[in-house]
Amino acid sequence: MSQLSPTTVAPTRLNTVEKRVLVLLVLSVGINYIDRGTLSVAAPQLTREMALDPEKMGLLLSGFFWTYAVCQILGGWLVDRYNVRWVYGIGFVLWSGATLATGLISTFAALFALRLLLGLGESVAYPSYSKIIAGTFPQTHRGIANSLVDMGSKIGPALGTLIGGLVVAQYGWRSLFLVLGGGSLLWLIPWVIWGPRDHAVEVAERVEPPGISRCSPASSVHIFPRIAATRGGHPAHCRAGRPGRKLRDHPSFCEQRSETMATRKLRRSGRAVRPPRGVVCGPRRVPRKGC
């Protein structure tokens, strides 16, 4: 039978686990955007050393987005079926390894292959961010988590372009790829230690919005035995959680009635509330206590 679920008090601050995961995500998205933009920073020196014409540079710059766009679907499929911590970690190894190897090659074909590999590795990034934020952070903290991840995607290119230009000017374009690729791999150490675990996929702290909850088939059979017998156990107007006009007006309808304005204000403030007087909870009224 449908019951009023207790209101969970919304946490006001990030806990230690959430802070660690969020810091790692912000760092990783910054590294993500730095690595994808290194070719643009190194392009002036690289084109002279490898004798690349504008057509080949166009292929190199666009090749990353070919695999990055196509493999987004694959990345989403992987994070939905496997442990997102390991899927994202493997993707991170692929794109960091591609960045590191770029500083060691000397042919156009090898450089183009590494750009495709870079796009493949980075394609799991945003599907993983969405999965981790939805599974690790409660609803009250997902806004700040998303905003900080997006901030990292802007700070990364800003720092990468500035520092990358200085490195290329002083030590050459190969040093840029070697330092970034090798240094990025160090991020995997705290990720293995503090990355999100399987048990964090379902967040226990949920803040349910006020309104009408969906009725279950069991409660429908109990309250509407005649209708259930003629409809295979499911009232026609109560399927898919969409009450019809006739059953919605029934005095013993299985859904809870609309809350009073005072109760809604208390719920928005995050305080636990009792069922209001006169709430319909099955075929009888409950004056004060819960169902």
C-alpha atoms as a PDB file:
ATOM      1  CA  MET A   1       0.000   0.000   0.000  1.00  0.00           C
ATOM      2  CA  SER A   2       1.243   3.436  -0.818  1.00  0.00           C
ATOM      3  CA  GLN A   3       2.875   5.168   2.108  1.00  0.00           C
ATOM      4  CA  LEU A   4       4.326   8.549   2.772  1.00  0.00           C
ATOM      5  CA  SER A   5       8.104   8.196   2.595  1.00  0.00           C
ATOM      6  CA  PRO A   6      10.018  10.108   5.299  1.00  0.00           C
ATOM      7  CA  THR A   7      11.737  13.256   4.220  1.00  0.00           C
ATOM      8  CA  THR A   8      15.537  13.026   4.253  1.00  0.00           C
ATOM      9  CA  VAL A   9      17.311  16.078   5.596  1.00  0.00           C
ATOM     10  CA  ALA A  10      19.453  17.498   2.802  1.00  0.00           C
ATOM     11  CA  PRO A  11      23.189  17.607   3.615  1.00  0.00           C
ATOM     12  CA  THR A  12      24.566  21.121   3.499  1.00  0.00           C
ATOM     13  CA  ARG A  13      28.253  20.317   2.918  1.00  0.00           C
ATOM     14  CA  LEU A  14      30.277  17.905   0.863  1.00  0.00           C
ATOM     15  CA  ASN A  15      31.682  15.011   2.864  1.00  0.00           C
ATOM     16  CA  THR A  16      35.292  13.841   2.622  1.00  0.00           C
ATOM     17  CA  VAL A  17      34.616  11.201  -0.044  1.00  0.00           C
ATOM     18  CA  GLU A  18      32.729  13.661  -2.240  1.00  0.00           C
ATOM     19  CA  LYS A  19      35.474  16.276  -1.902  1.00  0.00           C
ATOM     20  CA  ARG A  20      38.178  13.836  -2.937  1.00  0.00           C
ATOM     21  CA  VAL A  21      36.227  12.573  -5.926  1.00  0.00           C
ATOM     22  CA  LEU A  22      35.364  16.107  -7.006  1.00  0.00           C
ATOM     23  CA  VAL A  23      38.984  17.281  -6.807  1.00  0.00           C
ATOM     24  CA  LEU A  24      40.081  14.305  -8.900  1.00  0.00           C
ATOM     25  CA  LEU A  25      37.386  14.998 -11.497  1.00  0.00           C
ATOM     26  CA  VAL A  26      38.328  18.676 -11.789  1.00  0.00           C
ATOM     27  CA  LEU A  27      42.011  17.795 -12.191  1.00  0.00           C
ATOM     28  CA  SER A  28      41.255  15.126 -14.774  1.00  0.00           C
ATOM     29  CA  VAL A  29      39.065  17.349 -16.924  1.00  0.00           C
ATOM     30  CA  GLY A  30      41.780  20.005 -16.847  1.00  0.00           C
ATOM     31  CA  ILE A  31      44.350  17.426 -17.990  1.00  0.00           C
ATOM     32  CA  ASN A  32      41.857  16.240 -20.607  1.00  0.00           C
ATOM     33  CA  TYR A  33      41.629  19.659 -22.260  1.00  0.00           C
ATOM     34  CA  ILE A  34      45.337  20.364 -21.932  1.00  0.00           C
ATOM     35  CA  ASP A  35      46.246  17.129 -23.735  1.00  0.00           C
ATOM     36  CA  ARG A  36      43.839  17.680 -26.597  1.00  0.00           C
ATOM     37  CA  GLY A  37      45.192  21.188 -27.197  1.00  0.00           C
ATOM     38  CA  THR A  38      48.909  20.431 -27.119  1.00  0.00           C
ATOM     39  CA  LEU A  39      49.112  19.900 -30.875  1.00  0.00           C
ATOM     40  CA  SER A  40      47.898  23.434 -31.524  1.00  0.00           C
ATOM     41  CA  VAL A  41      50.558  24.834 -29.200  1.00  0.00           C
ATOM     42  CA  ALA A  42      53.325  22.758 -30.786  1.00  0.00           C
ATOM     43  CA  ALA A  43      52.113  23.240 -34.371  1.00  0.00           C
ATOM     44  CA  PRO A  44      54.577  26.006 -35.457  1.00  0.00           C
ATOM     45  CA  GLN A  45      57.675  23.982 -34.568  1.00  0.00           C
ATOM     46  CA  LEU A  46      56.175  20.616 -35.452  1.00  0.00           C
ATOM     47  CA  THR A  47      55.175  21.625 -38.982  1.00  0.00           C
ATOM     48  CA  ARG A  48      58.688  22.868 -39.738  1.00  0.00           C
ATOM     49  CA  GLU A  49      60.437  19.790 -38.354  1.00  0.00           C
ATOM     50  CA  MET A  50      58.130  17.238 -39.999  1.00  0.00           C
ATOM     51  CA  ALA A  51      57.468  19.285 -43.171  1.00  0.00           C
ATOM     52  CA  LEU A  52      53.676  19.193 -42.763  1.00  0.00           C
ATOM     53  CA  ASP A  53      51.526  21.204 -45.158  1.00  0.00           C
ATOM     54  CA  PRO A  54      48.182  22.787 -44.122  1.00  0.00           C
ATOM     55  CA  GLU A  55      46.245  19.799 -45.477  1.00  0.00           C
ATOM     56  CA  LYS A  56      48.059  17.354 -43.218  1.00  0.00           C
ATOM     57  CA  MET A  57      47.752  19.664 -40.235  1.00  0.00           C
ATOM     58  CA  GLY A  58      44.027  19.860 -40.880  1.00  0.00           C
ATOM     59  CA  LEU A  59      43.817  16.065 -40.801  1.00  0.00           C
ATOM     60  CA  LEU A  60      45.778  15.924 -37.557  1.00  0.00           C
ATOM     61  CA  LEU A  61      43.694  18.567 -35.817  1.00  0.00           C
ATOM     62  CA  SER A  62      40.368  17.116 -36.964  1.00  0.00           C
ATOM     63  CA  GLY A  63      41.297  13.443 -36.560  1.00  0.00           C
ATOM     64  CA  PHE A  64      40.972  13.715 -32.795  1.00  0.00           C
ATOM     65  CA  PHE A  65      37.297  14.680 -33.094  1.00  0.00           C
ATOM     66  CA  TRP A  66      36.493  11.826 -35.478  1.00  0.00           C
ATOM     67  CA  THR A  67      37.052   9.139 -32.864  1.00  0.00           C
ATOM     68  CA  TYR A  68      36.032  11.432 -29.998  1.00  0.00           C
ATOM     69  CA  ALA A  69      32.559  11.972 -31.449  1.00  0.00           C
ATOM     70  CA  VAL A  70      31.889   8.447 -32.703  1.00  0.00           C
ATOM     71  CA  CYS A  71      33.125   6.724 -29.530  1.00  0.00           C
ATOM     72  CA  GLN A  72      30.921   8.789 -27.203  1.00  0.00           C
ATOM     73  CA  ILE A  73      28.221   6.136 -27.676  1.00  0.00           C
ATOM     74  CA  LEU A  74      30.708   3.389 -26.870  1.00  0.00           C
ATOM     75  CA  GLY A  75      31.847   5.279 -23.783  1.00  0.00           C
ATOM     76  CA  GLY A  76      28.294   5.633 -22.510  1.00  0.00           C
ATOM     77  CA  TRP A  77      27.642   1.945 -23.109  1.00  0.00           C
ATOM     78  CA  LEU A  78      30.768   0.974 -21.169  1.00  0.00           C
ATOM     79  CA  VAL A  79      30.100   3.116 -18.099  1.00  0.00           C
ATOM     80  CA  ASP A  80      26.532   1.791 -17.928  1.00  0.00           C
ATOM     81  CA  ARG A  81      27.686  -1.837 -17.830  1.00  0.00           C
ATOM     82  CA  TYR A  82      31.034  -1.825 -16.066  1.00  0.00           C
ATOM     83  CA  ASN A  83      32.686  -0.193 -13.085  1.00  0.00           C
ATOM     84  CA  VAL A  84      33.009   3.466 -14.065  1.00  0.00           C
ATOM     85  CA  ARG A  85      36.170   3.857 -11.976  1.00  0.00           C
ATOM     86  CA  TRP A  86      38.029   1.339 -14.130  1.00  0.00           C
ATOM     87  CA  VAL A  87      36.465   2.405 -17.437  1.00  0.00           C
ATOM     88  CA  TYR A  88      37.515   5.998 -16.854  1.00  0.00           C
ATOM     89  CA  GLY A  89      40.935   4.916 -15.597  1.00  0.00           C
ATOM     90  CA  ILE A  90      41.580   2.902 -18.764  1.00  0.00           C
ATOM     91  CA  GLY A  91      40.472   5.819 -20.925  1.00  0.00           C
ATOM     92  CA  PHE A  92      42.805   8.103 -18.984  1.00  0.00           C
ATOM     93  CA  VAL A  93      45.724   5.734 -19.603  1.00  0.00           C
ATOM     94  CA  LEU A  94      44.937   5.653 -23.329  1.00  0.00           C
ATOM     95  CA  TRP A  95      44.868   9.404 -23.849  1.00  0.00           C
ATOM     96  CA  SER A  96      47.841  10.098 -21.552  1.00  0.00           C
ATOM     97  CA  GLY A  97      49.832   7.358 -23.270  1.00  0.00           C
ATOM     98  CA  ALA A  98      48.957   8.813 -26.666  1.00  0.00           C
ATOM     99  CA  THR A  99      50.183  12.231 -25.522  1.00  0.00           C
ATOM    100  CA  LEU A 100      53.415  10.749 -24.182  1.00  0.00           C
ATOM    101  CA  ALA A 101      54.061   8.717 -27.361  1.00  0.00           C
ATOM    102  CA  THR A 102      53.529  11.787 -29.561  1.00  0.00           C
ATOM    103  CA  GLY A 103      56.823  13.175 -28.296  1.00  0.00           C
ATOM    104  CA  LEU A 104      58.648  10.088 -29.554  1.00  0.00           C
ATOM    105  CA  ILE A 105      57.386   9.683 -33.137  1.00  0.00           C
ATOM    106  CA  SER A 106      58.672  11.260 -36.337  1.00  0.00           C
ATOM    107  CA  THR A 107      56.213  10.285 -39.113  1.00  0.00           C
ATOM    108  CA  PHE A 108      52.857  11.685 -40.145  1.00  0.00           C
ATOM    109  CA  ALA A 109      51.121   8.281 -40.099  1.00  0.00           C
ATOM    110  CA  ALA A 110      52.169   7.565 -36.519  1.00  0.00           C
ATOM    111  CA  LEU A 111      51.159  11.050 -35.411  1.00  0.00           C
ATOM    112  CA  PHE A 112      47.748  10.691 -37.047  1.00  0.00           C
ATOM    113  CA  ALA A 113      47.194   7.277 -35.387  1.00  0.00           C
ATOM    114  CA  LEU A 114      48.014   8.755 -31.993  1.00  0.00           C
ATOM    115  CA  ARG A 115      45.545  11.577 -32.536  1.00  0.00           C
ATOM    116  CA  LEU A 116      42.837   8.990 -33.230  1.00  0.00           C
ATOM    117  CA  LEU A 117      43.837   7.100 -30.090  1.00  0.00           C
ATOM    118  CA  LEU A 118      43.688  10.337 -28.093  1.00  0.00           C
ATOM    119  CA  GLY A 119      40.097  10.883 -29.199  1.00  0.00           C
ATOM    120  CA  LEU A 120      39.203   7.285 -28.342  1.00  0.00           C
ATOM    121  CA  GLY A 121      40.576   7.590 -24.814  1.00  0.00           C
ATOM    122  CA  GLU A 122      38.955  10.946 -24.079  1.00  0.00           C
ATOM    123  CA  SER A 123      35.549   9.834 -25.368  1.00  0.00           C
ATOM    124  CA  VAL A 124      34.794   8.115 -22.041  1.00  0.00           C
ATOM    125  CA  ALA A 125      35.350  11.320 -20.061  1.00  0.00           C
ATOM    126  CA  TYR A 126      31.953  13.025 -20.065  1.00  0.00           C
ATOM    127  CA  PRO A 127      29.866   9.834 -19.868  1.00  0.00           C
ATOM    128  CA  SER A 128      31.985   8.951 -16.827  1.00  0.00           C
ATOM    129  CA  TYR A 129      31.555  12.410 -15.281  1.00  0.00           C
ATOM    130  CA  SER A 130      27.783  12.147 -15.606  1.00  0.00           C
ATOM    131  CA  LYS A 131      27.722   8.654 -14.131  1.00  0.00           C
ATOM    132  CA  ILE A 132      29.992   9.551 -11.226  1.00  0.00           C
ATOM    133  CA  ILE A 133      28.189  12.777 -10.331  1.00  0.00           C
ATOM    134  CA  ALA A 134      24.774  11.094 -10.448  1.00  0.00           C
ATOM    135  CA  GLY A 135      25.972   8.125  -8.393  1.00  0.00           C
ATOM    136  CA  THR A 136      28.274   9.776  -5.858  1.00  0.00           C
ATOM    137  CA  PHE A 137      26.688  13.148  -5.115  1.00  0.00           C
ATOM    138  CA  PRO A 138      23.202  13.768  -3.686  1.00  0.00           C
ATOM    139  CA  GLN A 139      20.803  15.974  -5.601  1.00  0.00           C
ATOM    140  CA  THR A 140      21.648  18.989  -3.456  1.00  0.00           C
ATOM    141  CA  HIS A 141      25.341  18.871  -4.509  1.00  0.00           C
ATOM    142  CA  ARG A 142      25.153  17.949  -8.187  1.00  0.00           C
ATOM    143  CA  GLY A 143      24.910  21.559  -9.332  1.00  0.00           C
ATOM    144  CA  ILE A 144      28.180  22.608  -7.709  1.00  0.00           C
ATOM    145  CA  ALA A 145      29.855  19.378  -8.872  1.00  0.00           C
ATOM    146  CA  ASN A 146      28.864  20.012 -12.492  1.00  0.00           C
ATOM    147  CA  SER A 147      29.926  23.657 -12.326  1.00  0.00           C
ATOM    148  CA  LEU A 148      33.373  22.789 -10.955  1.00  0.00           C
ATOM    149  CA  VAL A 149      33.931  20.119 -13.606  1.00  0.00           C
ATOM    150  CA  ASP A 150      33.002  22.651 -16.279  1.00  0.00           C
ATOM    151  CA  MET A 151      35.338  25.183 -14.661  1.00  0.00           C
ATOM    152  CA  GLY A 152      38.163  22.664 -14.964  1.00  0.00           C
ATOM    153  CA  SER A 153      37.495  22.364 -18.690  1.00  0.00           C
ATOM    154  CA  LYS A 154      38.135  26.116 -19.021  1.00  0.00           C
ATOM    155  CA  ILE A 155      41.117  26.433 -16.685  1.00  0.00           C
ATOM    156  CA  GLY A 156      42.893  23.533 -18.416  1.00  0.00           C
ATOM    157  CA  PRO A 157      43.218  25.151 -21.855  1.00  0.00           C
ATOM    158  CA  ALA A 158      44.097  28.512 -20.293  1.00  0.00           C
ATOM    159  CA  LEU A 159      47.017  27.065 -18.327  1.00  0.00           C
ATOM    160  CA  GLY A 160      47.966  24.573 -21.039  1.00  0.00           C
ATOM    161  CA  THR A 161      48.288  27.210 -23.726  1.00  0.00           C
ATOM    162  CA  LEU A 162      50.287  29.563 -21.516  1.00  0.00           C
ATOM    163  CA  ILE A 163      52.655  27.046 -19.953  1.00  0.00           C
ATOM    164  CA  GLY A 164      52.828  24.937 -23.115  1.00  0.00           C
ATOM    165  CA  GLY A 165      53.994  27.901 -25.144  1.00  0.00           C
ATOM    166  CA  LEU A 166      56.770  28.609 -22.638  1.00  0.00           C
ATOM    167  CA  VAL A 167      57.883  24.966 -22.643  1.00  0.00           C
ATOM    168  CA  VAL A 168      57.947  24.780 -26.441  1.00  0.00           C
ATOM    169  CA  ALA A 169      59.919  28.005 -26.678  1.00  0.00           C
ATOM    170  CA  GLN A 170      62.532  26.831 -24.169  1.00  0.00           C
ATOM    171  CA  TYR A 171      62.789  23.068 -24.668  1.00  0.00           C
ATOM    172  CA  GLY A 172      61.029  22.205 -27.927  1.00  0.00           C
ATOM    173  CA  TRP A 173      57.716  20.597 -28.854  1.00  0.00           C
ATOM    174  CA  ARG A 174      58.733  17.034 -27.966  1.00  0.00           C
ATOM    175  CA  SER A 175      59.417  18.039 -24.363  1.00  0.00           C
ATOM    176  CA  LEU A 176      55.876  19.388 -24.100  1.00  0.00           C
ATOM    177  CA  PHE A 177      54.292  16.045 -25.013  1.00  0.00           C
ATOM    178  CA  LEU A 178      56.684  14.011 -22.867  1.00  0.00           C
ATOM    179  CA  VAL A 179      56.188  16.133 -19.759  1.00  0.00           C
ATOM    180  CA  LEU A 180      52.399  16.320 -20.093  1.00  0.00           C
ATOM    181  CA  GLY A 181      51.924  12.656 -20.962  1.00  0.00           C
ATOM    182  CA  GLY A 182      54.235  11.348 -18.242  1.00  0.00           C
ATOM    183  CA  GLY A 183      53.023  13.785 -15.605  1.00  0.00           C
ATOM    184  CA  SER A 184      49.363  13.039 -16.327  1.00  0.00           C
ATOM    185  CA  LEU A 185      49.844   9.364 -15.494  1.00  0.00           C
ATOM    186  CA  LEU A 186      50.610  10.332 -11.886  1.00  0.00           C
ATOM    187  CA  TRP A 187      46.926  11.260 -11.518  1.00  0.00           C
ATOM    188  CA  LEU A 188      46.071   7.544 -11.623  1.00  0.00           C
ATOM    189  CA  ILE A 189      47.636   6.927  -8.196  1.00  0.00           C
ATOM    190  CA  PRO A 190      45.050   8.900  -6.150  1.00  0.00           C
ATOM    191  CA  TRP A 191      42.308   7.757  -8.534  1.00  0.00           C
ATOM    192  CA  VAL A 192      42.965   4.103  -7.681  1.00  0.00           C
ATOM    193  CA  ILE A 193      43.004   4.957  -3.971  1.00  0.00           C
ATOM    194  CA  TRP A 194      40.121   7.452  -3.696  1.00  0.00           C
ATOM    195  CA  GLY A 195      38.115   6.910  -6.858  1.00  0.00           C
ATOM    196  CA  PRO A 196      34.361   6.170  -6.558  1.00  0.00           C
ATOM    197  CA  ARG A 197      33.501   2.617  -5.527  1.00  0.00           C
ATOM    198  CA  ASP A 198      30.612   0.410  -6.623  1.00  0.00           C
ATOM    199  CA  HIS A 199      28.680   1.012  -3.423  1.00  0.00           C
ATOM    200  CA  ALA A 200      28.506   4.735  -4.229  1.00  0.00           C
ATOM    201  CA  VAL A 201      26.423   4.176  -7.347  1.00  0.00           C
ATOM    202  CA  GLU A 202      23.207   4.446  -5.343  1.00  0.00           C
ATOM    203  CA  VAL A 203      23.203   7.510  -3.089  1.00  0.00           C
ATOM    204  CA  ALA A 204      21.408   6.881   0.159  1.00  0.00           C
ATOM    205  CA  GLU A 205      20.718  10.563   0.728  1.00  0.00           C
ATOM    206  CA  ARG A 206      17.814  11.421  -1.522  1.00  0.00           C
ATOM    207  CA  VAL A 207      15.621  14.476  -1.255  1.00  0.00           C
ATOM    208  CA  GLU A 208      12.272  13.556  -2.755  1.00  0.00           C
ATOM    209  CA  PRO A 209      10.277  16.445  -4.228  1.00  0.00           C
ATOM    210  CA  PRO A 210       6.775  17.001  -2.856  1.00  0.00           C
ATOM    211  CA  GLY A 211       3.816  15.777  -4.856  1.00  0.00           C
ATOM    212  CA  ILE A 212       1.904  12.621  -5.641  1.00  0.00           C
ATOM    213  CA  SER A 213       3.799   9.347  -5.547  1.00  0.00           C
ATOM    214  CA  ARG A 214       3.063   6.528  -7.946  1.00  0.00           C
ATOM    215  CA  CYS A 215       0.760   3.752  -6.792  1.00  0.00           C
ATOM    216  CA  SER A 216       1.927   0.165  -6.788  1.00  0.00           C
ATOM    217  CA  PRO A 217       0.024  -2.772  -8.295  1.00  0.00           C
ATOM    218  CA  ALA A 218      -0.263  -4.388  -4.851  1.00  0.00           C
ATOM    219  CA  SER A 219      -1.935  -1.349  -3.316  1.00  0.00           C
ATOM    220  CA  SER A 220      -4.198  -1.008  -6.325  1.00  0.00           C
ATOM    221  CA  VAL A 221      -5.427  -4.598  -5.976  1.00  0.00           C
ATOM    222  CA  HIS A 222      -6.139  -4.035  -2.290  1.00  0.00           C
ATOM    223  CA  ILE A 223      -8.102  -0.828  -2.774  1.00  0.00           C
ATOM    224  CA  PHE A 224      -9.810  -1.591  -6.083  1.00  0.00           C
ATOM    225  CA  PRO A 225     -10.473  -5.352  -6.058  1.00  0.00           C
ATOM    226  CA  ARG A 226     -13.251  -5.281  -8.633  1.00  0.00           C
ATOM    227  CA  ILE A 227     -11.379  -3.140 -11.110  1.00  0.00           C
ATOM    228  CA  ALA A 228      -8.193  -5.142 -10.573  1.00  0.00           C
ATOM    229  CA  ALA A 229     -10.013  -8.390 -11.265  1.00  0.00           C
ATOM    230  CA  THR A 230     -11.212  -7.095 -14.619  1.00  0.00           C
ATOM    231  CA  ARG A 231      -7.903  -5.465 -15.572  1.00  0.00           C
ATOM    232  CA  GLY A 232      -5.415  -8.228 -14.746  1.00  0.00           C
ATOM    233  CA  GLY A 233      -4.426  -6.823 -11.358  1.00  0.00           C
ATOM    234  CA  HIS A 234      -3.705  -3.256 -12.553  1.00  0.00           C
ATOM    235  CA  PRO A 235      -6.388  -0.552 -12.481  1.00  0.00           C
ATOM    236  CA  ALA A 236      -6.704   0.982 -15.932  1.00  0.00           C
ATOM    237  CA  HIS A 237      -6.315   4.567 -14.703  1.00  0.00           C
ATOM    238  CA  CYS A 238      -3.386   3.744 -12.423  1.00  0.00           C
ATOM    239  CA  ARG A 239      -0.983   2.277 -14.986  1.00  0.00           C
ATOM    240  CA  ALA A 240       2.437   3.887 -15.386  1.00  0.00           C
ATOM    241  CA  GLY A 241       1.732   6.078 -12.362  1.00  0.00           C
ATOM    242  CA  ARG A 242      -0.799   8.252 -14.219  1.00  0.00           C
ATOM    243  CA  PRO A 243      -4.058   8.409 -12.266  1.00  0.00           C
ATOM    244  CA  GLY A 244      -7.212   8.954 -14.284  1.00  0.00           C
ATOM    245  CA  ARG A 245      -9.868  11.495 -13.503  1.00  0.00           C
ATOM    246  CA  LYS A 246     -12.347   9.018 -11.978  1.00  0.00           C
ATOM    247  CA  LEU A 247      -9.909   7.237  -9.654  1.00  0.00           C
ATOM    248  CA  ARG A 248      -8.114  10.436  -8.761  1.00  0.00           C
ATOM    249  CA  ASP A 249     -11.331  11.792  -7.244  1.00  0.00           C
ATOM    250  CA  HIS A 250     -12.069   8.568  -5.354  1.00  0.00           C
ATOM    251  CA  PRO A 251     -11.971   9.181  -1.544  1.00  0.00           C
ATOM    252  CA  SER A 252      -9.801   6.109  -0.934  1.00  0.00           C
ATOM    253  CA  PHE A 253      -7.439   6.549  -3.877  1.00  0.00           C
ATOM    254  CA  CYS A 254      -4.056   4.932  -3.233  1.00  0.00           C
ATOM    255  CA  GLU A 255      -2.032   8.129  -3.783  1.00  0.00           C
ATOM    256  CA  GLN A 256      -1.368  10.595  -1.045  1.00  0.00           C
ATOM    257  CA  ARG A 257      -3.323  13.808  -1.200  1.00  0.00           C
ATOM    258  CA  SER A 258      -1.734  17.147  -1.947  1.00  0.00           C
ATOM    259  CA  GLU A 259       0.233  18.571   0.923  1.00  0.00           C
ATOM    260  CA  THR A 260      -0.740  21.741   2.686  1.00  0.00           C
ATOM    261  CA  MET A 261       1.193  24.932   2.056  1.00  0.00           C
ATOM    262  CA  ALA A 262       2.780  24.750   5.514  1.00  0.00           C
ATOM    263  CA  THR A 263       3.992  21.200   4.929  1.00  0.00           C
ATOM    264  CA  ARG A 264       5.524  22.176   1.584  1.00  0.00           C
ATOM    265  CA  LYS A 265       7.432  25.024   3.209  1.00  0.00           C
ATOM    266  CA  LEU A 266       8.816  22.675   5.847  1.00  0.00           C
ATOM    267  CA  ARG A 267       9.836  20.159   3.184  1.00  0.00           C
ATOM    268  CA  ARG A 268      11.653  22.822   1.137  1.00  0.00           C
ATOM    269  CA  SER A 269      13.554  23.893   4.239  1.00  0.00           C
ATOM    270  CA  GLY A 270      14.935  20.360   4.586  1.00  0.00           C
ATOM    271  CA  ARG A 271      13.228  19.590   7.910  1.00  0.00           C
ATOM    272  CA  ALA A 272      11.594  16.227   8.520  1.00  0.00           C
ATOM    273  CA  VAL A 273       7.801  16.469   8.596  1.00  0.00           C
ATOM    274  CA  ARG A 274       5.032  14.170   9.704  1.00  0.00           C
ATOM    275  CA  PRO A 275       2.084  13.345   7.462  1.00  0.00           C
ATOM    276  CA  PRO A 276      -0.396  16.225   7.689  1.00  0.00           C
ATOM    277  CA  ARG A 277      -3.700  15.688   9.465  1.00  0.00           C
ATOM    278  CA  GLY A 278      -6.214  13.967   7.261  1.00  0.00           C
ATOM    279  CA  VAL A 279      -3.745  12.499   4.745  1.00  0.00           C
ATOM    280  CA  VAL A 280      -5.315   9.588   2.918  1.00  0.00           C
ATOM    281  CA  CYS A 281      -3.065   6.558   3.294  1.00  0.00           C
ATOM    282  CA  GLY A 282      -5.053   3.684   1.854  1.00  0.00           C
ATOM    283  CA  PRO A 283      -8.735   3.239   2.674  1.00  0.00           C
ATOM    284  CA  ARG A 284      -8.579   5.032   6.035  1.00  0.00           C
ATOM    285  CA  ARG A 285      -7.516   8.426   7.311  1.00  0.00           C
ATOM    286  CA  VAL A 286      -4.544   8.827   9.641  1.00  0.00           C
ATOM    287  CA  PRO A 287      -4.904  11.762  12.042  1.00  0.00           C
ATOM    288  CA  ARG A 288      -1.277  12.253  13.166  1.00  0.00           C
ATOM    289  CA  LYS A 289       0.986   9.214  13.046  1.00  0.00           C
ATOM    290  CA  GLY A 290       2.645   7.860   9.912  1.00  0.00           C
ATOM    291  CA  CYS A 291       1.076   5.180   7.751  1.00  0.00           C
END
